[in-house]
C-alpha cells in the first residue's frame, strides 16, 4: 500500500489514515516508513526510533 512516496504495510497505512481522519494533533511511531508517510501527508510527527 502506498501513502505519498512510501510503501507501507496495511496496518501502518490504516494508522496514518485514521490519524488524518480524526485530525490528530500528533502522530507517534517507532516505524521509520510510517513516520515518513505521516510527515508527507501533513501530520505533525515524532519518531521514537533510534537515531
Protein backbone atom coordinates (compact mmCIF):
# COMPACT_ATOMS: atom_id res chain seq x y z
CA UNK A 1 0.00 0.00 0.00
CA UNK A 2 1.38 3.43 -0.89
CA UNK A 3 0.99 6.65 1.07
CA UNK A 4 2.71 9.53 -0.67
CA UNK A 5 6.00 8.12 -1.94
CA UNK A 6 6.13 5.45 0.79
CA UNK A 7 5.19 1.79 0.64
CA UNK A 8 3.52 0.72 3.90
CA UNK A 9 2.06 -2.42 5.37
CA UNK A 10 -1.74 -2.35 5.52
CA UNK A 11 -1.99 -1.75 9.29
CA UNK A 12 0.60 1.05 9.15
CA UNK A 13 -1.34 2.76 6.37
CA UNK A 14 -4.55 2.34 8.37
CA UNK A 15 -2.96 4.07 11.37
CA UNK A 16 -1.84 7.03 9.22
CA UNK A 17 -5.26 7.26 7.56
CA UNK A 18 -7.04 7.12 10.93
CA UNK A 19 -4.87 9.92 12.29
CA UNK A 20 -5.78 12.04 9.26
CA UNK A 21 -9.48 11.24 9.55
CA UNK A 22 -9.57 12.12 13.25
CA UNK A 23 -7.42 15.25 12.80
CA UNK A 24 -4.79 14.00 15.24
CA UNK A 25 -2.69 16.69 16.93
CA UNK A 26 0.37 14.44 17.00
CA UNK A 27 1.41 11.12 15.42
CA UNK A 28 3.95 9.00 17.32
CA UNK A 29 5.64 5.99 15.76
CA UNK A 30 8.76 3.84 16.02
CA UNK A 31 8.46 2.78 12.35
CA UNK A 32 10.58 4.96 10.06
CA UNK A 33 8.47 4.27 6.92
CA UNK A 34 5.27 5.11 8.78
CA UNK A 35 6.90 8.27 10.18
CA UNK A 36 7.91 9.45 6.70
CA UNK A 37 4.44 8.74 5.29
CA UNK A 38 2.75 10.61 8.14
CA UNK A 39 5.01 13.61 7.56
CA UNK A 40 4.31 13.59 3.83
CA UNK A 41 0.55 13.77 4.36
CA UNK A 42 0.92 16.69 6.75
CA UNK A 43 0.72 15.11 10.20
CA UNK A 44 2.87 16.53 12.99
CA UNK A 45 5.04 13.53 13.83
CA UNK A 46 7.55 12.26 16.35
CA UNK A 47 9.71 9.26 15.52
CA UNK A 48 10.52 7.18 18.61
CA UNK A 49 13.18 5.01 16.95
CA UNK A 50 16.93 5.09 17.37
CA UNK A 51 18.97 7.74 15.57
